[in-house]
Amino acid sequence: MHRFERPDEDDRSVEFHLGCGDWIRLLHANGLEVEALIELRAPAGAGDPAGLPVTAEWARRRPTEEIWKARKRSPVLHEGLGHEGRVRERGLCSCTATQASGSG
């Protein structure tokens, strides 16, 4: 996590941000797949945003906001058994490897 201190005399707040790679690892570790990352930039002709420490010109060249689209990963299924492989990995399933291969 990265710490950002605002240098503004009127606003001496501190923000904490994760980088994109950190977000991807965090989402993946929690069972999500990133489908899209949309980086929002200021449109041509936009005025300077109120309350932000950036100009419209700066915001046209670099994203000022992001939209992350993530989806929960599909569970891994045992072949032909129709239940989650992760259940078996945790010892919560009574099927055997021979049943999973179709010979039991």
PDB file of N, CA and C in Angstrom:
ATOM      1  N   MET A   1       0.858  -1.165   0.000  1.00  0.00           N
ATOM      2  CA  MET A   1       0.000   0.000   0.000  1.00  0.00           C
ATOM      3  C   MET A   1       0.903   1.226   0.000  1.00  0.00           C
ATOM      4  N   HIS A   2       0.503   2.208  -0.759  1.00  0.00           N
ATOM      5  CA  HIS A   2       1.310   3.414  -0.901  1.00  0.00           C
ATOM      6  C   HIS A   2       0.642   4.584  -0.189  1.00  0.00           C
ATOM      7  N   ARG A   3       1.442   5.354   0.507  1.00  0.00           N
ATOM      8  CA  ARG A   3       0.957   6.508   1.260  1.00  0.00           C
ATOM      9  C   ARG A   3       1.181   7.771   0.435  1.00  0.00           C
ATOM     10  N   PHE A   4       0.116   8.584   0.322  1.00  0.00           N
ATOM     11  CA  PHE A   4       0.205   9.860  -0.389  1.00  0.00           C
ATOM     12  C   PHE A   4      -0.246  10.971   0.547  1.00  0.00           C
ATOM     13  N   GLU A   5       0.639  11.928   0.769  1.00  0.00           N
ATOM     14  CA  GLU A   5       0.305  13.078   1.593  1.00  0.00           C
ATOM     15  C   GLU A   5       0.044  14.261   0.683  1.00  0.00           C
ATOM     16  N   ARG A   6      -1.061  14.930   0.898  1.00  0.00           N
ATOM     17  CA  ARG A   6      -1.390  16.106   0.095  1.00  0.00           C
ATOM     18  C   ARG A   6      -0.526  17.281   0.564  1.00  0.00           C
ATOM     19  N   PRO A   7       0.157  17.941  -0.366  1.00  0.00           N
ATOM     20  CA  PRO A   7       1.037  19.050   0.008  1.00  0.00           C
ATOM     21  C   PRO A   7       0.291  20.369   0.211  1.00  0.00           C
ATOM     22  N   ASP A   8      -0.995  20.383  -0.060  1.00  0.00           N
ATOM     23  CA  ASP A   8      -1.790  21.602   0.015  1.00  0.00           C
ATOM     24  C   ASP A   8      -1.863  22.122   1.454  1.00  0.00           C
ATOM     25  N   GLU A   9      -1.638  23.408   1.617  1.00  0.00           N
ATOM     26  CA  GLU A   9      -1.695  24.015   2.959  1.00  0.00           C
ATOM     27  C   GLU A   9      -3.081  23.873   3.587  1.00  0.00           C
ATOM     28  N   ASP A  10      -4.134  23.935   2.776  1.00  0.00           N
ATOM     29  CA  ASP A  10      -5.503  23.862   3.300  1.00  0.00           C
ATOM     30  C   ASP A  10      -5.949  22.429   3.568  1.00  0.00           C
ATOM     31  N   ASP A  11      -5.296  21.477   2.950  1.00  0.00           N
ATOM     32  CA  ASP A  11      -5.715  20.084   3.074  1.00  0.00           C
ATOM     33  C   ASP A  11      -4.483  19.215   3.303  1.00  0.00           C
ATOM     34  N   ARG A  12      -4.168  18.956   4.543  1.00  0.00           N
ATOM     35  CA  ARG A  12      -2.995  18.130   4.865  1.00  0.00           C
ATOM     36  C   ARG A  12      -3.412  16.685   5.129  1.00  0.00           C
ATOM     37  N   SER A  13      -4.292  16.158   4.300  1.00  0.00           N
ATOM     38  CA  SER A  13      -4.769  14.793   4.486  1.00  0.00           C
ATOM     39  C   SER A  13      -3.786  13.781   3.908  1.00  0.00           C
ATOM     40  N   VAL A  14      -3.988  12.533   4.297  1.00  0.00           N
ATOM     41  CA  VAL A  14      -3.165  11.425   3.826  1.00  0.00           C
ATOM     42  C   VAL A  14      -4.098  10.399   3.205  1.00  0.00           C
ATOM     43  N   GLU A  15      -3.710   9.873   2.047  1.00  0.00           N
ATOM     44  CA  GLU A  15      -4.477   8.826   1.373  1.00  0.00           C
ATOM     45  C   GLU A  15      -3.588   7.606   1.219  1.00  0.00           C
ATOM     46  N   PHE A  16      -4.213   6.440   1.155  1.00  0.00           N
ATOM     47  CA  PHE A  16      -3.495   5.192   0.937  1.00  0.00           C
ATOM     48  C   PHE A  16      -4.074   4.521  -0.298  1.00  0.00           C
ATOM     49  N   HIS A  17      -3.209   4.093  -1.208  1.00  0.00           N
ATOM     50  CA  HIS A  17      -3.637   3.504  -2.469  1.00  0.00           C
ATOM     51  C   HIS A  17      -2.862   2.232  -2.760  1.00  0.00           C
ATOM     52  N   LEU A  18      -3.551   1.298  -3.416  1.00  0.00           N
ATOM     53  CA  LEU A  18      -2.893   0.109  -3.944  1.00  0.00           C
ATOM     54  C   LEU A  18      -2.586   0.345  -5.410  1.00  0.00           C
ATOM     55  N   GLY A  19      -1.479  -0.186  -5.885  1.00  0.00           N
ATOM     56  CA  GLY A  19      -1.179  -0.149  -7.304  1.00  0.00           C
ATOM     57  C   GLY A  19      -2.036  -1.168  -8.050  1.00  0.00           C
ATOM     58  N   CYS A  20      -2.083  -1.067  -9.370  1.00  0.00           N
ATOM     59  CA  CYS A  20      -2.915  -1.974 -10.174  1.00  0.00           C
ATOM     60  C   CYS A  20      -2.525  -3.435  -9.963  1.00  0.00           C
ATOM     61  N   GLY A  21      -1.243  -3.725  -9.931  1.00  0.00           N
ATOM     62  CA  GLY A  21      -0.798  -5.101  -9.704  1.00  0.00           C
ATOM     63  C   GLY A  21      -1.248  -5.626  -8.356  1.00  0.00           C
ATOM     64  N   ASP A  22      -1.195  -4.776  -7.328  1.00  0.00           N
ATOM     65  CA  ASP A  22      -1.659  -5.169  -5.996  1.00  0.00           C
ATOM     66  C   ASP A  22      -3.161  -5.447  -6.005  1.00  0.00           C
ATOM     67  N   TRP A  23      -3.932  -4.604  -6.715  1.00  0.00           N
ATOM     68  CA  TRP A  23      -5.375  -4.834  -6.827  1.00  0.00           C
ATOM     69  C   TRP A  23      -5.670  -6.158  -7.513  1.00  0.00           C
ATOM     70  N   ILE A  24      -4.962  -6.452  -8.602  1.00  0.00           N
ATOM     71  CA  ILE A  24      -5.187  -7.699  -9.334  1.00  0.00           C
ATOM     72  C   ILE A  24      -4.896  -8.899  -8.434  1.00  0.00           C
ATOM     73  N   ARG A  25      -3.775  -8.863  -7.709  1.00  0.00           N
ATOM     74  CA  ARG A  25      -3.446  -9.961  -6.790  1.00  0.00           C
ATOM     75  C   ARG A  25      -4.480 -10.093  -5.678  1.00  0.00           C
ATOM     76  N   LEU A  26      -4.941  -8.983  -5.123  1.00  0.00           N
ATOM     77  CA  LEU A  26      -5.938  -9.011  -4.056  1.00  0.00           C
ATOM     78  C   LEU A  26      -7.266  -9.589  -4.557  1.00  0.00           C
ATOM     79  N   LEU A  27      -7.726  -9.132  -5.721  1.00  0.00           N
ATOM     80  CA  LEU A  27      -8.974  -9.651  -6.280  1.00  0.00           C
ATOM     81  C   LEU A  27      -8.850 -11.140  -6.587  1.00  0.00           C
ATOM     82  N   HIS A  28      -7.719 -11.535  -7.194  1.00  0.00           N
ATOM     83  CA  HIS A  28      -7.503 -12.942  -7.533  1.00  0.00           C
ATOM     84  C   HIS A  28      -7.472 -13.811  -6.270  1.00  0.00           C
ATOM     85  N   ALA A  29      -6.813 -13.335  -5.230  1.00  0.00           N
ATOM     86  CA  ALA A  29      -6.719 -14.087  -3.970  1.00  0.00           C
ATOM     87  C   ALA A  29      -8.082 -14.284  -3.321  1.00  0.00           C
ATOM     88  N   ASN A  30      -9.062 -13.459  -3.701  1.00  0.00           N
ATOM     89  CA  ASN A  30     -10.407 -13.552  -3.140  1.00  0.00           C
ATOM     90  C   ASN A  30     -11.410 -14.119  -4.136  1.00  0.00           C
ATOM     91  N   GLY A  31     -10.905 -14.864  -5.127  1.00  0.00           N
ATOM     92  CA  GLY A  31     -11.779 -15.587  -6.035  1.00  0.00           C
ATOM     93  C   GLY A  31     -12.379 -14.780  -7.167  1.00  0.00           C
ATOM     94  N   LEU A  32     -11.771 -13.654  -7.500  1.00  0.00           N
ATOM     95  CA  LEU A  32     -12.307 -12.810  -8.575  1.00  0.00           C
ATOM     96  C   LEU A  32     -11.333 -12.728  -9.739  1.00  0.00           C
ATOM     97  N   GLU A  33     -11.877 -12.625 -10.941  1.00  0.00           N
ATOM     98  CA  GLU A  33     -11.079 -12.411 -12.144  1.00  0.00           C
ATOM     99  C   GLU A  33     -11.368 -11.012 -12.666  1.00  0.00           C
ATOM    100  N   VAL A  34     -10.340 -10.288 -13.031  1.00  0.00           N
ATOM    101  CA  VAL A  34     -10.519  -8.954 -13.600  1.00  0.00           C
ATOM    102  C   VAL A  34     -10.887  -9.111 -15.072  1.00  0.00           C
ATOM    103  N   GLU A  35     -12.031  -8.568 -15.444  1.00  0.00           N
ATOM    104  CA  GLU A  35     -12.476  -8.614 -16.837  1.00  0.00           C
ATOM    105  C   GLU A  35     -12.118  -7.347 -17.586  1.00  0.00           C
ATOM    106  N   ALA A  36     -12.056  -6.231 -16.873  1.00  0.00           N
ATOM    107  CA  ALA A  36     -11.737  -4.967 -17.536  1.00  0.00           C
ATOM    108  C   ALA A  36     -11.258  -3.954 -16.508  1.00  0.00           C
ATOM    109  N   LEU A  37     -10.402  -3.074 -16.976  1.00  0.00           N
ATOM    110  CA  LEU A  37      -9.976  -1.910 -16.205  1.00  0.00           C
ATOM    111  C   LEU A  37     -10.158  -0.719 -17.133  1.00  0.00           C
ATOM    112  N   ILE A  38     -11.094   0.138 -16.777  1.00  0.00           N
ATOM    113  CA  ILE A  38     -11.408   1.306 -17.600  1.00  0.00           C
ATOM    114  C   ILE A  38     -10.823   2.532 -16.913  1.00  0.00           C
ATOM    115  N   GLU A  39      -9.915   3.195 -17.601  1.00  0.00           N
ATOM    116  CA  GLU A  39      -9.263   4.380 -17.052  1.00  0.00           C
ATOM    117  C   GLU A  39      -9.955   5.622 -17.613  1.00  0.00           C
ATOM    118  N   LEU A  40     -10.539   6.394 -16.715  1.00  0.00           N
ATOM    119  CA  LEU A  40     -11.291   7.573 -17.133  1.00  0.00           C
ATOM    120  C   LEU A  40     -10.375   8.786 -17.253  1.00  0.00           C
ATOM    121  N   ARG A  41     -10.515   9.480 -18.366  1.00  0.00           N
ATOM    122  CA  ARG A  41      -9.759  10.712 -18.610  1.00  0.00           C
ATOM    123  C   ARG A  41     -10.740  11.841 -18.873  1.00  0.00           C
ATOM    124  N   ALA A  42     -10.302  13.052 -18.653  1.00  0.00           N
ATOM    125  CA  ALA A  42     -11.158  14.216 -18.918  1.00  0.00           C
ATOM    126  C   ALA A  42     -11.402  14.334 -20.425  1.00  0.00           C
ATOM    127  N   PRO A  43     -12.627  14.594 -20.828  1.00  0.00           N
ATOM    128  CA  PRO A  43     -12.908  14.758 -22.262  1.00  0.00           C
ATOM    129  C   PRO A  43     -12.370  16.086 -22.781  1.00  0.00           C
ATOM    130  N   ALA A  44     -12.194  16.171 -24.076  1.00  0.00           N
ATOM    131  CA  ALA A  44     -11.753  17.429 -24.697  1.00  0.00           C
ATOM    132  C   ALA A  44     -12.749  18.533 -24.342  1.00  0.00           C
ATOM    133  N   GLY A  45     -12.229  19.685 -24.023  1.00  0.00           N
ATOM    134  CA  GLY A  45     -13.077  20.826 -23.692  1.00  0.00           C
ATOM    135  C   GLY A  45     -13.534  20.889 -22.243  1.00  0.00           C
ATOM    136  N   ALA A  46     -13.156  19.907 -21.437  1.00  0.00           N
ATOM    137  CA  ALA A  46     -13.556  19.918 -20.026  1.00  0.00           C
ATOM    138  C   ALA A  46     -12.783  20.984 -19.266  1.00  0.00           C
ATOM    139  N   GLY A  47     -13.434  21.587 -18.290  1.00  0.00           N
ATOM    140  CA  GLY A  47     -12.776  22.560 -17.425  1.00  0.00           C
ATOM    141  C   GLY A  47     -12.021  21.856 -16.308  1.00  0.00           C
ATOM    142  N   ASP A  48     -11.239  22.613 -15.572  1.00  0.00           N
ATOM    143  CA  ASP A  48     -10.499  22.033 -14.451  1.00  0.00           C
ATOM    144  C   ASP A  48     -11.487  21.494 -13.417  1.00  0.00           C
ATOM    145  N   PRO A  49     -11.254  20.283 -12.919  1.00  0.00           N
ATOM    146  CA  PRO A  49     -12.181  19.698 -11.952  1.00  0.00           C
ATOM    147  C   PRO A  49     -12.108  20.419 -10.607  1.00  0.00           C
ATOM    148  N   ALA A  50     -13.271  20.670 -10.037  1.00  0.00           N
ATOM    149  CA  ALA A  50     -13.336  21.336  -8.733  1.00  0.00           C
ATOM    150  C   ALA A  50     -12.924  20.365  -7.639  1.00  0.00           C
ATOM    151  N   GLY A  51     -12.115  20.834  -6.729  1.00  0.00           N
ATOM    152  CA  GLY A  51     -11.738  20.031  -5.570  1.00  0.00           C
ATOM    153  C   GLY A  51     -10.653  18.999  -5.816  1.00  0.00           C
ATOM    154  N   LEU A  52     -10.106  18.944  -7.017  1.00  0.00           N
ATOM    155  CA  LEU A  52      -9.028  17.999  -7.288  1.00  0.00           C
ATOM    156  C   LEU A  52      -7.737  18.754  -7.565  1.00  0.00           C
ATOM    157  N   PRO A  53      -6.615  18.182  -7.168  1.00  0.00           N
ATOM    158  CA  PRO A  53      -5.337  18.877  -7.363  1.00  0.00           C
ATOM    159  C   PRO A  53      -4.742  18.662  -8.759  1.00  0.00           C
ATOM    160  N   VAL A  54      -5.593  18.494  -9.779  1.00  0.00           N
ATOM    161  CA  VAL A  54      -5.112  18.301 -11.150  1.00  0.00           C
ATOM    162  C   VAL A  54      -5.834  19.270 -12.083  1.00  0.00           C
ATOM    163  N   THR A  55      -5.218  19.545 -13.208  1.00  0.00           N
ATOM    164  CA  THR A  55      -5.870  20.369 -14.232  1.00  0.00           C
ATOM    165  C   THR A  55      -6.553  19.454 -15.237  1.00  0.00           C
ATOM    166  N   ALA A  56      -7.460  20.007 -16.032  1.00  0.00           N
ATOM    167  CA  ALA A  56      -8.138  19.222 -17.067  1.00  0.00           C
ATOM    168  C   ALA A  56      -7.132  18.691 -18.084  1.00  0.00           C
ATOM    169  N   GLU A  57      -6.127  19.494 -18.412  1.00  0.00           N
ATOM    170  CA  GLU A  57      -5.113  19.036 -19.370  1.00  0.00           C
ATOM    171  C   GLU A  57      -4.371  17.817 -18.828  1.00  0.00           C
ATOM    172  N   TRP A  58      -4.004  17.872 -17.561  1.00  0.00           N
ATOM    173  CA  TRP A  58      -3.336  16.730 -16.932  1.00  0.00           C
ATOM    174  C   TRP A  58      -4.252  15.509 -16.965  1.00  0.00           C
ATOM    175  N   ALA A  59      -5.535  15.720 -16.653  1.00  0.00           N
ATOM    176  CA  ALA A  59      -6.495  14.620 -16.585  1.00  0.00           C
ATOM    177  C   ALA A  59      -6.835  14.047 -17.965  1.00  0.00           C
ATOM    178  N   ARG A  60      -6.544  14.757 -19.028  1.00  0.00           N
ATOM    179  CA  ARG A  60      -6.727  14.207 -20.381  1.00  0.00           C
ATOM    180  C   ARG A  60      -5.596  13.251 -20.736  1.00  0.00           C
ATOM    181  N   ARG A  61      -4.418  13.472 -20.179  1.00  0.00           N
ATOM    182  CA  ARG A  61      -3.258  12.628 -20.489  1.00  0.00           C
ATOM    183  C   ARG A  61      -3.142  11.416 -19.570  1.00  0.00           C
ATOM    184  N   ARG A  62      -3.660  11.530 -18.360  1.00  0.00           N
ATOM    185  CA  ARG A  62      -3.548  10.454 -17.372  1.00  0.00           C
ATOM    186  C   ARG A  62      -4.920  10.179 -16.768  1.00  0.00           C
ATOM    187  N   PRO A  63      -5.188   8.920 -16.456  1.00  0.00           N
ATOM    188  CA  PRO A  63      -6.491   8.628 -15.844  1.00  0.00           C
ATOM    189  C   PRO A  63      -6.589   9.211 -14.439  1.00  0.00           C
ATOM    190  N   THR A  64      -7.720   9.833 -14.146  1.00  0.00           N
ATOM    191  CA  THR A  64      -7.934  10.379 -12.805  1.00  0.00           C
ATOM    192  C   THR A  64      -8.820   9.467 -11.973  1.00  0.00           C
ATOM    193  N   GLU A  65      -9.575   8.595 -12.623  1.00  0.00           N
ATOM    194  CA  GLU A  65     -10.423   7.612 -11.948  1.00  0.00           C
ATOM    195  C   GLU A  65     -10.351   6.310 -12.716  1.00  0.00           C
ATOM    196  N   GLU A  66     -10.705   5.220 -12.042  1.00  0.00           N
ATOM    197  CA  GLU A  66     -10.686   3.905 -12.666  1.00  0.00           C
ATOM    198  C   GLU A  66     -11.976   3.177 -12.352  1.00  0.00           C
ATOM    199  N   ILE A  67     -12.417   2.362 -13.290  1.00  0.00           N
ATOM    200  CA  ILE A  67     -13.538   1.454 -13.075  1.00  0.00           C
ATOM    201  C   ILE A  67     -12.988   0.044 -13.255  1.00  0.00           C
ATOM    202  N   TRP A  68     -13.105  -0.760 -12.225  1.00  0.00           N
ATOM    203  CA  TRP A  68     -12.655  -2.146 -12.277  1.00  0.00           C
ATOM    204  C   TRP A  68     -13.878  -3.037 -12.449  1.00  0.00           C
ATOM    205  N   LYS A  69     -13.834  -3.921 -13.439  1.00  0.00           N
ATOM    206  CA  LYS A  69     -14.902  -4.892 -13.645  1.00  0.00           C
ATOM    207  C   LYS A  69     -14.327  -6.264 -13.322  1.00  0.00           C
ATOM    208  N   ALA A  70     -14.874  -6.904 -12.293  1.00  0.00           N
ATOM    209  CA  ALA A  70     -14.383  -8.211 -11.870  1.00  0.00           C
ATOM    210  C   ALA A  70     -15.569  -9.152 -11.706  1.00  0.00           C
ATOM    211  N   ARG A  71     -15.299 -10.423 -11.887  1.00  0.00           N
ATOM    212  CA  ARG A  71     -16.344 -11.440 -11.782  1.00  0.00           C
ATOM    213  C   ARG A  71     -15.802 -12.585 -10.930  1.00  0.00           C
ATOM    214  N   LYS A  72     -16.705 -13.157 -10.129  1.00  0.00           N
ATOM    215  CA  LYS A  72     -16.315 -14.308  -9.323  1.00  0.00           C
ATOM    216  C   LYS A  72     -15.981 -15.465 -10.254  1.00  0.00           C
ATOM    217  N   ARG A  73     -14.836 -16.120 -10.017  1.00  0.00           N
ATOM    218  CA  ARG A  73     -14.422 -17.247 -10.850  1.00  0.00           C
ATOM    219  C   ARG A  73     -15.394 -18.400 -10.707  1.00  0.00           C
ATOM    220  N   SER A  74     -15.585 -19.147 -11.801  1.00  0.00           N
ATOM    221  CA  SER A  74     -16.398 -20.352 -11.760  1.00  0.00           C
ATOM    222  C   SER A  74     -15.667 -21.410 -10.957  1.00  0.00           C
ATOM    223  N   PRO A  75     -16.399 -22.207 -10.186  1.00  0.00           N
ATOM    224  CA  PRO A  75     -15.732 -23.259  -9.418  1.00  0.00           C
ATOM    225  C   PRO A  75     -15.197 -24.347 -10.344  1.00  0.00           C
ATOM    226  N   VAL A  76     -14.134 -24.985  -9.887  1.00  0.00           N
ATOM    227  CA  VAL A  76     -13.567 -26.105 -10.637  1.00  0.00           C
ATOM    228  C   VAL A  76     -14.432 -27.320 -10.348  1.00  0.00           C
ATOM    229  N   LEU A  77     -14.920 -27.991 -11.389  1.00  0.00           N
ATOM    230  CA  LEU A  77     -15.807 -29.136 -11.198  1.00  0.00           C
ATOM    231  C   LEU A  77     -15.054 -30.453 -11.346  1.00  0.00           C
ATOM    232  N   HIS A  78     -15.454 -31.452 -10.557  1.00  0.00           N
ATOM    233  CA  HIS A  78     -14.972 -32.809 -10.797  1.00  0.00           C
ATOM    234  C   HIS A  78     -15.538 -33.235 -12.138  1.00  0.00           C
ATOM    235  N   GLU A  79     -14.792 -34.003 -12.871  1.00  0.00           N
ATOM    236  CA  GLU A  79     -15.248 -34.436 -14.182  1.00  0.00           C
ATOM    237  C   GLU A  79     -16.526 -35.256 -14.051  1.00  0.00           C
ATOM    238  N   GLY A  80     -17.612 -34.754 -14.600  1.00  0.00           N
ATOM    239  CA  GLY A  80     -18.866 -35.492 -14.658  1.00  0.00           C
ATOM    240  C   GLY A  80     -19.610 -35.633 -13.353  1.00  0.00           C
ATOM    241  N   LEU A  81     -19.077 -35.134 -12.234  1.00  0.00           N
ATOM    242  CA  LEU A  81     -19.756 -35.311 -10.955  1.00  0.00           C
ATOM    243  C   LEU A  81     -20.611 -34.107 -10.579  1.00  0.00           C
ATOM    244  N   GLY A  82     -20.323 -32.962 -11.164  1.00  0.00           N
ATOM    245  CA  GLY A  82     -21.173 -31.800 -10.955  1.00  0.00           C
ATOM    246  C   GLY A  82     -21.058 -31.127  -9.604  1.00  0.00           C
ATOM    247  N   HIS A  83     -19.925 -31.248  -8.937  1.00  0.00           N
ATOM    248  CA  HIS A  83     -19.742 -30.479  -7.710  1.00  0.00           C
ATOM    249  C   HIS A  83     -18.349 -29.876  -7.686  1.00  0.00           C
ATOM    250  N   GLU A  84     -18.138 -28.954  -6.793  1.00  0.00           N
ATOM    251  CA  GLU A  84     -16.917 -28.172  -6.806  1.00  0.00           C
ATOM    252  C   GLU A  84     -15.691 -28.996  -6.420  1.00  0.00           C
ATOM    253  N   GLY A  85     -14.642 -28.869  -7.231  1.00  0.00           N
ATOM    254  CA  GLY A  85     -13.384 -29.533  -6.932  1.00  0.00           C
ATOM    255  C   GLY A  85     -12.769 -29.038  -5.645  1.00  0.00           C
ATOM    256  N   ARG A  86     -12.990 -27.788  -5.332  1.00  0.00           N
ATOM    257  CA  ARG A  86     -12.411 -27.222  -4.109  1.00  0.00           C
ATOM    258  C   ARG A  86     -13.006 -27.896  -2.874  1.00  0.00           C
ATOM    259  N   VAL A  87     -14.247 -28.353  -2.968  1.00  0.00           N
ATOM    260  CA  VAL A  87     -14.859 -29.057  -1.845  1.00  0.00           C
ATOM    261  C   VAL A  87     -14.074 -30.332  -1.568  1.00  0.00           C
ATOM    262  N   ARG A  88     -13.714 -31.047  -2.634  1.00  0.00           N
ATOM    263  CA  ARG A  88     -12.957 -32.288  -2.484  1.00  0.00           C
ATOM    264  C   ARG A  88     -11.568 -32.005  -1.929  1.00  0.00           C
ATOM    265  N   GLU A  89     -10.923 -30.934  -2.419  1.00  0.00           N
ATOM    266  CA  GLU A  89      -9.583 -30.585  -1.949  1.00  0.00           C
ATOM    267  C   GLU A  89      -9.564 -30.328  -0.451  1.00  0.00           C
ATOM    268  N   ARG A  90     -10.644 -29.829   0.093  1.00  0.00           N
ATOM    269  CA  ARG A  90     -10.712 -29.517   1.525  1.00  0.00           C
ATOM    270  C   ARG A  90     -11.186 -30.714   2.343  1.00  0.00           C
ATOM    271  N   GLY A  91     -11.375 -31.871   1.702  1.00  0.00           N
ATOM    272  CA  GLY A  91     -11.784 -33.071   2.428  1.00  0.00           C
ATOM    273  C   GLY A  91     -13.261 -33.093   2.769  1.00  0.00           C
ATOM    274  N   LEU A  92     -14.081 -32.319   2.086  1.00  0.00           N
ATOM    275  CA  LEU A  92     -15.502 -32.252   2.383  1.00  0.00           C
ATOM    276  C   LEU A  92     -16.340 -33.076   1.413  1.00  0.00           C
ATOM    277  N   CYS A  93     -15.685 -33.868   0.594  1.00  0.00           N
ATOM    278  CA  CYS A  93     -16.364 -34.658  -0.421  1.00  0.00           C
ATOM    279  C   CYS A  93     -15.997 -36.119  -0.227  1.00  0.00           C
ATOM    280  N   SER A  94     -16.959 -37.019  -0.393  1.00  0.00           N
ATOM    281  CA  SER A  94     -16.675 -38.436  -0.176  1.00  0.00           C
ATOM    282  C   SER A  94     -16.319 -39.182  -1.452  1.00  0.00           C
ATOM    283  N   CYS A  95     -16.324 -38.496  -2.599  1.00  0.00           N
ATOM    284  CA  CYS A  95     -15.984 -39.197  -3.837  1.00  0.00           C
ATOM    285  C   CYS A  95     -14.497 -39.508  -3.873  1.00  0.00           C
ATOM    286  N   THR A  96     -14.106 -40.479  -4.703  1.00  0.00           N
ATOM    287  CA  THR A  96     -12.698 -40.853  -4.811  1.00  0.00           C
ATOM    288  C   THR A  96     -12.176 -40.522  -6.179  1.00  0.00           C
ATOM    289  N   ALA A  97     -10.869 -40.609  -6.368  1.00  0.00           N
ATOM    290  CA  ALA A  97     -10.262 -40.332  -7.661  1.00  0.00           C
ATOM    291  C   ALA A  97     -10.765 -41.310  -8.708  1.00  0.00           C
ATOM    292  N   THR A  98     -11.066 -42.561  -8.314  1.00  0.00           N
ATOM    293  CA  THR A  98     -11.567 -43.524  -9.298  1.00  0.00           C
ATOM    294  C   THR A  98     -12.965 -43.129  -9.751  1.00  0.00           C
ATOM    295  N   GLN A  99     -13.788 -42.595  -8.841  1.00  0.00           N
ATOM    296  CA  GLN A  99     -15.112 -42.124  -9.254  1.00  0.00           C
ATOM    297  C   GLN A  99     -14.981 -40.938 -10.185  1.00  0.00           C
ATOM    298  N   ALA A 100     -14.034 -40.049  -9.900  1.00  0.00           N
ATOM    299  CA  ALA A 100     -13.847 -38.857 -10.732  1.00  0.00           C
ATOM    300  C   ALA A 100     -13.395 -39.232 -12.126  1.00  0.00           C
ATOM    301  N   SER A 101     -12.656 -40.339 -12.245  1.00  0.00           N
ATOM    302  CA  SER A 101     -12.180 -40.734 -13.569  1.00  0.00           C
ATOM    303  C   SER A 101     -13.219 -41.554 -14.319  1.00  0.00           C
ATOM    304  N   GLY A 102     -14.328 -41.909 -13.641  1.00  0.00           N
ATOM    305  CA  GLY A 102     -15.409 -42.633 -14.303  1.00  0.00           C
ATOM    306  C   GLY A 102     -15.313 -44.135 -14.165  1.00  0.00           C
ATOM    307  N   SER A 103     -14.346 -44.667 -13.386  1.00  0.00           N
ATOM    308  CA  SER A 103     -14.216 -46.106 -13.252  1.00  0.00           C
ATOM    309  C   SER A 103     -14.784 -46.636 -11.949  1.00  0.00           C
ATOM    310  N   GLY A 104     -15.508 -45.788 -11.180  1.00  0.00           N
ATOM    311  CA  GLY A 104     -15.996 -46.291  -9.895  1.00  0.00           C
ATOM    312  C   GLY A 104     -17.435 -46.120  -9.669  1.00  0.00           C
TER     313      GLY A 104
END
